[in-house]
Amino acid sequence: MKRASDPHYRHRFPADIISHTVWLYHTFCLSFRDVELMLAERSIEVAYETIRRWCRKFAQTFATRLRRRRPRPGDRWHLDEVFIRINGVQHYLWRAVDQEAWCSMS
């Protein structure tokens, strides 16, 4: 029986450092050199070109994991509507709310 191949196999750095580096680059608006400096402050010597390769190689799996964790909207939706007064002018405000948000509002 074959084991699932580890995408971090034969990399110099552990998988958690690679994952954290890819997370830093894609979560915040940082350049490869900024991420390199942030890692250097933590005594992790990585070239910005290595960070670029990691982001290119692992970005798709990173995005897939984030999509799986994202909460899915429910199958029932409710209409939340209200009249509000702004600077003396009455406005009609409404929004669509899924079943999870509706339960937490009630």
PDB file of N, CA and C in Angstrom:
ATOM      1  N   MET A   1       0.841  -1.178   0.000  1.00  0.00           N
ATOM      2  CA  MET A   1       0.000   0.000   0.000  1.00  0.00           C
ATOM      3  C   MET A   1       0.883   1.237   0.000  1.00  0.00           C
ATOM      4  N   LYS A   2       0.623   2.155  -0.913  1.00  0.00           N
ATOM      5  CA  LYS A   2       1.422   3.373  -1.019  1.00  0.00           C
ATOM      6  C   LYS A   2       0.920   4.419  -0.036  1.00  0.00           C
ATOM      7  N   ARG A   3       1.864   5.111   0.584  1.00  0.00           N
ATOM      8  CA  ARG A   3       1.505   6.227   1.447  1.00  0.00           C
ATOM      9  C   ARG A   3       1.350   7.475   0.597  1.00  0.00           C
ATOM     10  N   ALA A   4       0.510   8.387   1.064  1.00  0.00           N
ATOM     11  CA  ALA A   4       0.331   9.648   0.344  1.00  0.00           C
ATOM     12  C   ALA A   4       1.642  10.418   0.366  1.00  0.00           C
ATOM     13  N   SER A   5       2.022  10.953  -0.768  1.00  0.00           N
ATOM     14  CA  SER A   5       3.299  11.662  -0.840  1.00  0.00           C
ATOM     15  C   SER A   5       3.196  12.995  -0.106  1.00  0.00           C
ATOM     16  N   ASP A   6       4.226  13.310   0.626  1.00  0.00           N
ATOM     17  CA  ASP A   6       4.293  14.564   1.366  1.00  0.00           C
ATOM     18  C   ASP A   6       4.788  15.652   0.421  1.00  0.00           C
ATOM     19  N   PRO A   7       4.033  16.735   0.226  1.00  0.00           N
ATOM     20  CA  PRO A   7       4.495  17.787  -0.689  1.00  0.00           C
ATOM     21  C   PRO A   7       5.733  18.516  -0.180  1.00  0.00           C
ATOM     22  N   HIS A   8       6.013  18.412   1.129  1.00  0.00           N
ATOM     23  CA  HIS A   8       7.175  19.085   1.698  1.00  0.00           C
ATOM     24  C   HIS A   8       8.407  18.177   1.732  1.00  0.00           C
ATOM     25  N   TYR A   9       8.296  17.000   1.153  1.00  0.00           N
ATOM     26  CA  TYR A   9       9.407  16.053   1.147  1.00  0.00           C
ATOM     27  C   TYR A   9      10.603  16.639   0.402  1.00  0.00           C
ATOM     28  N   ARG A  10      11.774  16.428   0.941  1.00  0.00           N
ATOM     29  CA  ARG A  10      13.046  16.877   0.377  1.00  0.00           C
ATOM     30  C   ARG A  10      13.217  18.396   0.380  1.00  0.00           C
ATOM     31  N   HIS A  11      12.536  19.063   1.290  1.00  0.00           N
ATOM     32  CA  HIS A  11      12.756  20.489   1.494  1.00  0.00           C
ATOM     33  C   HIS A  11      13.636  20.651   2.729  1.00  0.00           C
ATOM     34  N   ARG A  12      14.444  21.687   2.718  1.00  0.00           N
ATOM     35  CA  ARG A  12      15.393  21.909   3.804  1.00  0.00           C
ATOM     36  C   ARG A  12      14.679  22.309   5.088  1.00  0.00           C
ATOM     37  N   PHE A  13      13.592  23.055   4.960  1.00  0.00           N
ATOM     38  CA  PHE A  13      12.885  23.568   6.127  1.00  0.00           C
ATOM     39  C   PHE A  13      11.673  22.704   6.445  1.00  0.00           C
ATOM     40  N   PRO A  14      11.276  22.682   7.720  1.00  0.00           N
ATOM     41  CA  PRO A  14      10.094  21.895   8.098  1.00  0.00           C
ATOM     42  C   PRO A  14       8.818  22.447   7.461  1.00  0.00           C
ATOM     43  N   ALA A  15       7.804  21.615   7.408  1.00  0.00           N
ATOM     44  CA  ALA A  15       6.547  21.983   6.758  1.00  0.00           C
ATOM     45  C   ALA A  15       5.872  23.156   7.447  1.00  0.00           C
ATOM     46  N   ASP A  16       5.987  23.270   8.766  1.00  0.00           N
ATOM     47  CA  ASP A  16       5.312  24.377   9.448  1.00  0.00           C
ATOM     48  C   ASP A  16       5.937  25.729   9.110  1.00  0.00           C
ATOM     49  N   ILE A  17       7.239  25.776   8.890  1.00  0.00           N
ATOM     50  CA  ILE A  17       7.878  27.039   8.484  1.00  0.00           C
ATOM     51  C   ILE A  17       7.469  27.398   7.064  1.00  0.00           C
ATOM     52  N   ILE A  18       7.430  26.422   6.186  1.00  0.00           N
ATOM     53  CA  ILE A  18       7.005  26.680   4.804  1.00  0.00           C
ATOM     54  C   ILE A  18       5.553  27.157   4.782  1.00  0.00           C
ATOM     55  N   SER A  19       4.701  26.503   5.536  1.00  0.00           N
ATOM     56  CA  SER A  19       3.289  26.891   5.584  1.00  0.00           C
ATOM     57  C   SER A  19       3.119  28.294   6.143  1.00  0.00           C
ATOM     58  N   HIS A  20       3.863  28.604   7.194  1.00  0.00           N
ATOM     59  CA  HIS A  20       3.773  29.946   7.785  1.00  0.00           C
ATOM     60  C   HIS A  20       4.251  31.011   6.800  1.00  0.00           C
ATOM     61  N   THR A  21       5.292  30.704   6.063  1.00  0.00           N
ATOM     62  CA  THR A  21       5.816  31.648   5.080  1.00  0.00           C
ATOM     63  C   THR A  21       4.807  31.907   3.974  1.00  0.00           C
ATOM     64  N   VAL A  22       4.208  30.862   3.463  1.00  0.00           N
ATOM     65  CA  VAL A  22       3.190  31.012   2.408  1.00  0.00           C
ATOM     66  C   VAL A  22       1.997  31.767   2.962  1.00  0.00           C
ATOM     67  N   TRP A  23       1.606  31.470   4.199  1.00  0.00           N
ATOM     68  CA  TRP A  23       0.493  32.167   4.838  1.00  0.00           C
ATOM     69  C   TRP A  23       0.792  33.657   4.966  1.00  0.00           C
ATOM     70  N   LEU A  24       2.005  34.012   5.415  1.00  0.00           N
ATOM     71  CA  LEU A  24       2.382  35.422   5.548  1.00  0.00           C
ATOM     72  C   LEU A  24       2.267  36.156   4.218  1.00  0.00           C
ATOM     73  N   TYR A  25       2.795  35.540   3.179  1.00  0.00           N
ATOM     74  CA  TYR A  25       2.799  36.204   1.877  1.00  0.00           C
ATOM     75  C   TYR A  25       1.384  36.414   1.338  1.00  0.00           C
ATOM     76  N   HIS A  26       0.537  35.389   1.457  1.00  0.00           N
ATOM     77  CA  HIS A  26      -0.783  35.476   0.843  1.00  0.00           C
ATOM     78  C   HIS A  26      -1.819  36.165   1.724  1.00  0.00           C
ATOM     79  N   THR A  27      -1.623  36.203   3.021  1.00  0.00           N
ATOM     80  CA  THR A  27      -2.603  36.823   3.902  1.00  0.00           C
ATOM     81  C   THR A  27      -2.422  38.332   3.972  1.00  0.00           C
ATOM     82  N   PHE A  28      -1.189  38.780   4.037  1.00  0.00           N
ATOM     83  CA  PHE A  28      -0.904  40.203   4.150  1.00  0.00           C
ATOM     84  C   PHE A  28      -0.301  40.696   2.838  1.00  0.00           C
ATOM     85  N   CYS A  29      -0.379  41.971   2.599  1.00  0.00           N
ATOM     86  CA  CYS A  29       0.195  42.543   1.373  1.00  0.00           C
ATOM     87  C   CYS A  29       1.698  42.763   1.589  1.00  0.00           C
ATOM     88  N   LEU A  30       2.438  41.678   1.525  1.00  0.00           N
ATOM     89  CA  LEU A  30       3.881  41.735   1.734  1.00  0.00           C
ATOM     90  C   LEU A  30       4.601  41.276   0.481  1.00  0.00           C
ATOM     91  N   SER A  31       5.797  41.802   0.290  1.00  0.00           N
ATOM     92  CA  SER A  31       6.625  41.316  -0.801  1.00  0.00           C
ATOM     93  C   SER A  31       7.434  40.120  -0.307  1.00  0.00           C
ATOM     94  N   PHE A  32       8.073  39.433  -1.242  1.00  0.00           N
ATOM     95  CA  PHE A  32       8.915  38.305  -0.858  1.00  0.00           C
ATOM     96  C   PHE A  32      10.057  38.763   0.047  1.00  0.00           C
ATOM     97  N   ARG A  33      10.585  39.926  -0.232  1.00  0.00           N
ATOM     98  CA  ARG A  33      11.683  40.456   0.590  1.00  0.00           C
ATOM     99  C   ARG A  33      11.207  40.837   1.983  1.00  0.00           C
ATOM    100  N   ASP A  34       9.959  41.334   2.094  1.00  0.00           N
ATOM    101  CA  ASP A  34       9.414  41.629   3.425  1.00  0.00           C
ATOM    102  C   ASP A  34       9.279  40.363   4.252  1.00  0.00           C
ATOM    103  N   VAL A  35       8.784  39.304   3.626  1.00  0.00           N
ATOM    104  CA  VAL A  35       8.653  38.026   4.333  1.00  0.00           C
ATOM    105  C   VAL A  35      10.041  37.505   4.713  1.00  0.00           C
ATOM    106  N   GLU A  36      10.998  37.674   3.823  1.00  0.00           N
ATOM    107  CA  GLU A  36      12.374  37.261   4.119  1.00  0.00           C
ATOM    108  C   GLU A  36      12.905  37.987   5.352  1.00  0.00           C
ATOM    109  N   LEU A  37      12.647  39.293   5.454  1.00  0.00           N
ATOM    110  CA  LEU A  37      13.099  40.068   6.612  1.00  0.00           C
ATOM    111  C   LEU A  37      12.382  39.638   7.886  1.00  0.00           C
ATOM    112  N   MET A  38      11.095  39.341   7.786  1.00  0.00           N
ATOM    113  CA  MET A  38      10.346  38.902   8.960  1.00  0.00           C
ATOM    114  C   MET A  38      10.874  37.565   9.484  1.00  0.00           C
ATOM    115  N   LEU A  39      11.203  36.677   8.566  1.00  0.00           N
ATOM    116  CA  LEU A  39      11.766  35.391   8.986  1.00  0.00           C
ATOM    117  C   LEU A  39      13.182  35.565   9.542  1.00  0.00           C
ATOM    118  N   ALA A  40      13.944  36.500   8.975  1.00  0.00           N
ATOM    119  CA  ALA A  40      15.306  36.752   9.462  1.00  0.00           C
ATOM    120  C   ALA A  40      15.279  37.274  10.897  1.00  0.00           C
ATOM    121  N   GLU A  41      14.237  38.037  11.253  1.00  0.00           N
ATOM    122  CA  GLU A  41      14.102  38.506  12.632  1.00  0.00           C
ATOM    123  C   GLU A  41      13.884  37.349  13.592  1.00  0.00           C
ATOM    124  N   ARG A  42      13.381  36.246  13.085  1.00  0.00           N
ATOM    125  CA  ARG A  42      13.161  35.051  13.907  1.00  0.00           C
ATOM    126  C   ARG A  42      14.293  34.038  13.719  1.00  0.00           C
ATOM    127  N   SER A  43      15.410  34.490  13.171  1.00  0.00           N
ATOM    128  CA  SER A  43      16.613  33.670  12.945  1.00  0.00           C
ATOM    129  C   SER A  43      16.378  32.525  11.981  1.00  0.00           C
ATOM    130  N   ILE A  44      15.547  32.769  10.969  1.00  0.00           N
ATOM    131  CA  ILE A  44      15.315  31.781   9.914  1.00  0.00           C
ATOM    132  C   ILE A  44      15.850  32.399   8.625  1.00  0.00           C
ATOM    133  N   GLU A  45      16.943  31.859   8.142  1.00  0.00           N
ATOM    134  CA  GLU A  45      17.602  32.391   6.948  1.00  0.00           C
ATOM    135  C   GLU A  45      17.005  31.740   5.696  1.00  0.00           C
ATOM    136  N   VAL A  46      16.199  32.496   4.975  1.00  0.00           N
ATOM    137  CA  VAL A  46      15.564  32.019   3.745  1.00  0.00           C
ATOM    138  C   VAL A  46      15.707  33.120   2.707  1.00  0.00           C
ATOM    139  N   ALA A  47      16.096  32.760   1.503  1.00  0.00           N
ATOM    140  CA  ALA A  47      16.204  33.739   0.424  1.00  0.00           C
ATOM    141  C   ALA A  47      14.812  34.048  -0.127  1.00  0.00           C
ATOM    142  N   TYR A  48      14.636  35.261  -0.628  1.00  0.00           N
ATOM    143  CA  TYR A  48      13.333  35.645  -1.153  1.00  0.00           C
ATOM    144  C   TYR A  48      12.953  34.798  -2.370  1.00  0.00           C
ATOM    145  N   GLU A  49      13.946  34.331  -3.109  1.00  0.00           N
ATOM    146  CA  GLU A  49      13.664  33.481  -4.270  1.00  0.00           C
ATOM    147  C   GLU A  49      13.105  32.129  -3.824  1.00  0.00           C
ATOM    148  N   THR A  50      13.565  31.632  -2.700  1.00  0.00           N
ATOM    149  CA  THR A  50      13.018  30.396  -2.144  1.00  0.00           C
ATOM    150  C   THR A  50      11.571  30.606  -1.723  1.00  0.00           C
ATOM    151  N   ILE A  51      11.287  31.750  -1.120  1.00  0.00           N
ATOM    152  CA  ILE A  51       9.907  32.072  -0.726  1.00  0.00           C
ATOM    153  C   ILE A  51       9.017  32.138  -1.958  1.00  0.00           C
ATOM    154  N   ARG A  52       9.521  32.713  -3.036  1.00  0.00           N
ATOM    155  CA  ARG A  52       8.750  32.783  -4.278  1.00  0.00           C
ATOM    156  C   ARG A  52       8.429  31.382  -4.792  1.00  0.00           C
ATOM    157  N   ARG A  53       9.418  30.495  -4.751  1.00  0.00           N
ATOM    158  CA  ARG A  53       9.183  29.116  -5.213  1.00  0.00           C
ATOM    159  C   ARG A  53       8.174  28.397  -4.334  1.00  0.00           C
ATOM    160  N   TRP A  54       8.283  28.591  -3.014  1.00  0.00           N
ATOM    161  CA  TRP A  54       7.327  27.964  -2.103  1.00  0.00           C
ATOM    162  C   TRP A  54       5.912  28.470  -2.377  1.00  0.00           C
ATOM    163  N   CYS A  55       5.777  29.774  -2.566  1.00  0.00           N
ATOM    164  CA  CYS A  55       4.443  30.336  -2.819  1.00  0.00           C
ATOM    165  C   CYS A  55       3.877  29.805  -4.128  1.00  0.00           C
ATOM    166  N   ARG A  56       4.726  29.652  -5.103  1.00  0.00           N
ATOM    167  CA  ARG A  56       4.270  29.126  -6.388  1.00  0.00           C
ATOM    168  C   ARG A  56       3.869  27.652  -6.274  1.00  0.00           C
ATOM    169  N   LYS A  57       4.608  26.896  -5.474  1.00  0.00           N
ATOM    170  CA  LYS A  57       4.353  25.470  -5.357  1.00  0.00           C
ATOM    171  C   LYS A  57       3.186  25.143  -4.418  1.00  0.00           C
ATOM    172  N   PHE A  58       3.075  25.857  -3.296  1.00  0.00           N
ATOM    173  CA  PHE A  58       2.114  25.496  -2.269  1.00  0.00           C
ATOM    174  C   PHE A  58       0.888  26.406  -2.197  1.00  0.00           C
ATOM    175  N   ALA A  59       0.792  27.420  -3.032  1.00  0.00           N
ATOM    176  CA  ALA A  59      -0.325  28.358  -2.947  1.00  0.00           C
ATOM    177  C   ALA A  59      -1.667  27.682  -3.220  1.00  0.00           C
ATOM    178  N   GLN A  60      -1.718  26.782  -4.169  1.00  0.00           N
ATOM    179  CA  GLN A  60      -2.982  26.133  -4.507  1.00  0.00           C
ATOM    180  C   GLN A  60      -3.483  25.265  -3.356  1.00  0.00           C
ATOM    181  N   THR A  61      -2.610  24.498  -2.726  1.00  0.00           N
ATOM    182  CA  THR A  61      -3.042  23.679  -1.593  1.00  0.00           C
ATOM    183  C   THR A  61      -3.444  24.552  -0.410  1.00  0.00           C
ATOM    184  N   PHE A  62      -2.753  25.680  -0.228  1.00  0.00           N
ATOM    185  CA  PHE A  62      -3.094  26.629   0.822  1.00  0.00           C
ATOM    186  C   PHE A  62      -4.498  27.186   0.596  1.00  0.00           C
ATOM    187  N   ALA A  63      -4.785  27.595  -0.626  1.00  0.00           N
ATOM    188  CA  ALA A  63      -6.106  28.150  -0.955  1.00  0.00           C
ATOM    189  C   ALA A  63      -7.200  27.095  -0.815  1.00  0.00           C
ATOM    190  N   THR A  64      -6.913  25.868  -1.204  1.00  0.00           N
ATOM    191  CA  THR A  64      -7.889  24.787  -1.083  1.00  0.00           C
ATOM    192  C   THR A  64      -8.237  24.522   0.377  1.00  0.00           C
ATOM    193  N   ARG A  65      -7.230  24.504   1.249  1.00  0.00           N
ATOM    194  CA  ARG A  65      -7.491  24.294   2.672  1.00  0.00           C
ATOM    195  C   ARG A  65      -8.320  25.424   3.255  1.00  0.00           C
ATOM    196  N   LEU A  66      -8.054  26.660   2.840  1.00  0.00           N
ATOM    197  CA  LEU A  66      -8.839  27.790   3.329  1.00  0.00           C
ATOM    198  C   LEU A  66     -10.290  27.693   2.865  1.00  0.00           C
ATOM    199  N   ARG A  67     -10.496  27.304   1.612  1.00  0.00           N
ATOM    200  CA  ARG A  67     -11.856  27.169   1.094  1.00  0.00           C
ATOM    201  C   ARG A  67     -12.645  26.104   1.843  1.00  0.00           C
ATOM    202  N   ARG A  68     -12.003  25.022   2.210  1.00  0.00           N
ATOM    203  CA  ARG A  68     -12.690  23.957   2.952  1.00  0.00           C
ATOM    204  C   ARG A  68     -13.114  24.420   4.330  1.00  0.00           C
ATOM    205  N   ARG A  69     -12.299  25.278   4.956  1.00  0.00           N
ATOM    206  CA  ARG A  69     -12.606  25.769   6.299  1.00  0.00           C
ATOM    207  C   ARG A  69     -13.670  26.854   6.310  1.00  0.00           C
ATOM    208  N   ARG A  70     -13.883  27.493   5.177  1.00  0.00           N
ATOM    209  CA  ARG A  70     -14.817  28.604   5.106  1.00  0.00           C
ATOM    210  C   ARG A  70     -16.237  28.105   5.391  1.00  0.00           C
ATOM    211  N   PRO A  71     -16.984  28.807   6.226  1.00  0.00           N
ATOM    212  CA  PRO A  71     -18.349  28.355   6.506  1.00  0.00           C
ATOM    213  C   PRO A  71     -19.238  28.479   5.271  1.00  0.00           C
ATOM    214  N   ARG A  72     -20.063  27.498   5.080  1.00  0.00           N
ATOM    215  CA  ARG A  72     -20.986  27.486   3.950  1.00  0.00           C
ATOM    216  C   ARG A  72     -22.301  28.142   4.372  1.00  0.00           C
ATOM    217  N   PRO A  73     -22.914  28.901   3.499  1.00  0.00           N
ATOM    218  CA  PRO A  73     -24.212  29.475   3.855  1.00  0.00           C
ATOM    219  C   PRO A  73     -25.264  28.373   3.958  1.00  0.00           C
ATOM    220  N   GLY A  74     -26.239  28.603   4.825  1.00  0.00           N
ATOM    221  CA  GLY A  74     -27.302  27.627   5.014  1.00  0.00           C
ATOM    222  C   GLY A  74     -28.262  27.603   3.840  1.00  0.00           C
ATOM    223  N   ASP A  75     -29.185  26.649   3.881  1.00  0.00           N
ATOM    224  CA  ASP A  75     -30.136  26.516   2.780  1.00  0.00           C
ATOM    225  C   ASP A  75     -31.387  27.355   3.004  1.00  0.00           C
ATOM    226  N   ARG A  76     -31.556  27.934   4.199  1.00  0.00           N
ATOM    227  CA  ARG A  76     -32.706  28.794   4.472  1.00  0.00           C
ATOM    228  C   ARG A  76     -32.221  30.217   4.688  1.00  0.00           C
ATOM    229  N   TRP A  77     -32.902  31.153   4.065  1.00  0.00           N
ATOM    230  CA  TRP A  77     -32.548  32.559   4.175  1.00  0.00           C
ATOM    231  C   TRP A  77     -33.757  33.327   4.692  1.00  0.00           C
ATOM    232  N   HIS A  78     -33.486  34.380   5.452  1.00  0.00           N
ATOM    233  CA  HIS A  78     -34.537  35.226   6.012  1.00  0.00           C
ATOM    234  C   HIS A  78     -34.275  36.662   5.575  1.00  0.00           C
ATOM    235  N   LEU A  79     -35.343  37.411   5.466  1.00  0.00           N
ATOM    236  CA  LEU A  79     -35.223  38.817   5.100  1.00  0.00           C
ATOM    237  C   LEU A  79     -35.353  39.648   6.358  1.00  0.00           C
ATOM    238  N   ASP A  80     -34.338  40.414   6.646  1.00  0.00           N
ATOM    239  CA  ASP A  80     -34.323  41.294   7.813  1.00  0.00           C
ATOM    240  C   ASP A  80     -34.546  42.701   7.293  1.00  0.00           C
ATOM    241  N   GLU A  81     -35.619  43.347   7.762  1.00  0.00           N
ATOM    242  CA  GLU A  81     -35.939  44.691   7.254  1.00  0.00           C
ATOM    243  C   GLU A  81     -36.267  45.626   8.402  1.00  0.00           C
ATOM    244  N   VAL A  82     -35.928  46.903   8.215  1.00  0.00           N
ATOM    245  CA  VAL A  82     -36.125  47.887   9.271  1.00  0.00           C
ATOM    246  C   VAL A  82     -36.194  49.281   8.648  1.00  0.00           C
ATOM    247  N   PHE A  83     -36.923  50.189   9.320  1.00  0.00           N
ATOM    248  CA  PHE A  83     -36.927  51.604   8.953  1.00  0.00           C
ATOM    249  C   PHE A  83     -35.971  52.319   9.889  1.00  0.00           C
ATOM    250  N   ILE A  84     -35.051  53.124   9.332  1.00  0.00           N
ATOM    251  CA  ILE A  84     -34.131  53.906  10.156  1.00  0.00           C
ATOM    252  C   ILE A  84     -34.197  55.365   9.730  1.00  0.00           C
ATOM    253  N   ARG A  85     -33.865  56.248  10.650  1.00  0.00           N
ATOM    254  CA  ARG A  85     -33.883  57.674  10.371  1.00  0.00           C
ATOM    255  C   ARG A  85     -32.456  58.196  10.428  1.00  0.00           C
ATOM    256  N   ILE A  86     -31.974  58.755   9.314  1.00  0.00           N
ATOM    257  CA  ILE A  86     -30.640  59.325   9.214  1.00  0.00           C
ATOM    258  C   ILE A  86     -30.779  60.790   8.864  1.00  0.00           C
ATOM    259  N   ASN A  87     -30.293  61.673   9.757  1.00  0.00           N
ATOM    260  CA  ASN A  87     -30.385  63.127   9.580  1.00  0.00           C
ATOM    261  C   ASN A  87     -31.813  63.562   9.272  1.00  0.00           C
ATOM    262  N   GLY A  88     -32.757  62.970   9.974  1.00  0.00           N
ATOM    263  CA  GLY A  88     -34.152  63.360   9.816  1.00  0.00           C
ATOM    264  C   GLY A  88     -34.858  62.748   8.615  1.00  0.00           C
ATOM    265  N   VAL A  89     -34.150  61.992   7.791  1.00  0.00           N
ATOM    266  CA  VAL A  89     -34.743  61.354   6.616  1.00  0.00           C
ATOM    267  C   VAL A  89     -34.926  59.875   6.910  1.00  0.00           C
ATOM    268  N   GLN A  90     -36.160  59.388   6.673  1.00  0.00           N
ATOM    269  CA  GLN A  90     -36.441  57.987   6.944  1.00  0.00           C
ATOM    270  C   GLN A  90     -36.016  57.116   5.757  1.00  0.00           C
ATOM    271  N   HIS A  91     -35.269  56.032   6.064  1.00  0.00           N
ATOM    272  CA  HIS A  91     -34.786  55.110   5.040  1.00  0.00           C
ATOM    273  C   HIS A  91     -35.286  53.709   5.354  1.00  0.00           C
ATOM    274  N   TYR A  92     -35.473  52.923   4.311  1.00  0.00           N
ATOM    275  CA  TYR A  92     -35.882  51.537   4.439  1.00  0.00           C
ATOM    276  C   TYR A  92     -34.650  50.680   4.197  1.00  0.00           C
ATOM    277  N   LEU A  93     -34.259  49.876   5.169  1.00  0.00           N
ATOM    278  CA  LEU A  93     -33.058  49.070   5.089  1.00  0.00           C
ATOM    279  C   LEU A  93     -33.448  47.598   5.199  1.00  0.00           C
ATOM    280  N   TRP A  94     -32.917  46.774   4.303  1.00  0.00           N
ATOM    281  CA  TRP A  94     -33.161  45.339   4.396  1.00  0.00           C
ATOM    282  C   TRP A  94     -31.913  44.587   3.989  1.00  0.00           C
ATOM    283  N   ARG A  95     -31.815  43.351   4.476  1.00  0.00           N
ATOM    284  CA  ARG A  95     -30.686  42.496   4.127  1.00  0.00           C
ATOM    285  C   ARG A  95     -31.135  41.044   4.187  1.00  0.00           C
ATOM    286  N   ALA A  96     -30.450  40.203   3.425  1.00  0.00           N
ATOM    287  CA  ALA A  96     -30.715  38.769   3.443  1.00  0.00           C
ATOM    288  C   ALA A  96     -29.773  38.128   4.452  1.00  0.00           C
ATOM    289  N   VAL A  97     -30.327  37.294   5.317  1.00  0.00           N
ATOM    290  CA  VAL A  97     -29.556  36.669   6.388  1.00  0.00           C
ATOM    291  C   VAL A  97     -29.767  35.164   6.301  1.00  0.00           C
ATOM    292  N   ASP A  98     -28.668  34.375   6.351  1.00  0.00           N
ATOM    293  CA  ASP A  98     -28.829  32.920   6.310  1.00  0.00           C
ATOM    294  C   ASP A  98     -29.257  32.408   7.679  1.00  0.00           C
ATOM    295  N   GLN A  99     -29.561  31.113   7.765  1.00  0.00           N
ATOM    296  CA  GLN A  99     -30.146  30.547   8.973  1.00  0.00           C
ATOM    297  C   GLN A  99     -29.215  30.620  10.172  1.00  0.00           C
ATOM    298  N   GLU A 100     -27.899  30.543   9.961  1.00  0.00           N
ATOM    299  CA  GLU A 100     -26.967  30.605  11.093  1.00  0.00           C
ATOM    300  C   GLU A 100     -26.966  31.984  11.729  1.00  0.00           C
ATOM    301  N   ALA A 101     -26.910  33.026  10.912  1.00  0.00           N
ATOM    302  CA  ALA A 101     -26.916  34.394  11.435  1.00  0.00           C
ATOM    303  C   ALA A 101     -28.268  34.713  12.048  1.00  0.00           C
ATOM    304  N   TRP A 102     -29.330  34.187  11.469  1.00  0.00           N
ATOM    305  CA  TRP A 102     -30.675  34.452  11.968  1.00  0.00           C
ATOM    306  C   TRP A 102     -30.832  33.877  13.372  1.00  0.00           C
ATOM    307  N   CYS A 103     -30.300  32.665  13.602  1.00  0.00           N
ATOM    308  CA  CYS A 103     -30.406  32.038  14.928  1.00  0.00           C
ATOM    309  C   CYS A 103     -29.612  32.827  15.970  1.00  0.00           C
ATOM    310  N   SER A 104     -28.466  33.366  15.575  1.00  0.00           N
ATOM    311  CA  SER A 104     -27.660  34.117  16.529  1.00  0.00           C
ATOM    312  C   SER A 104     -28.265  35.493  16.832  1.00  0.00           C
ATOM    313  N   MET A 105     -29.068  36.035  15.899  1.00  0.00           N
ATOM    314  CA  MET A 105     -29.705  37.332  16.117  1.00  0.00           C
ATOM    315  C   MET A 105     -30.941  37.188  16.998  1.00  0.00           C
ATOM    316  N   SER A 106     -31.607  36.058  16.969  1.00  0.00           N
ATOM    317  CA  SER A 106     -32.864  35.871  17.715  1.00  0.00           C
ATOM    318  C   SER A 106     -32.626  35.694  19.180  1.00  0.00           C
TER     319      SER A 106
END
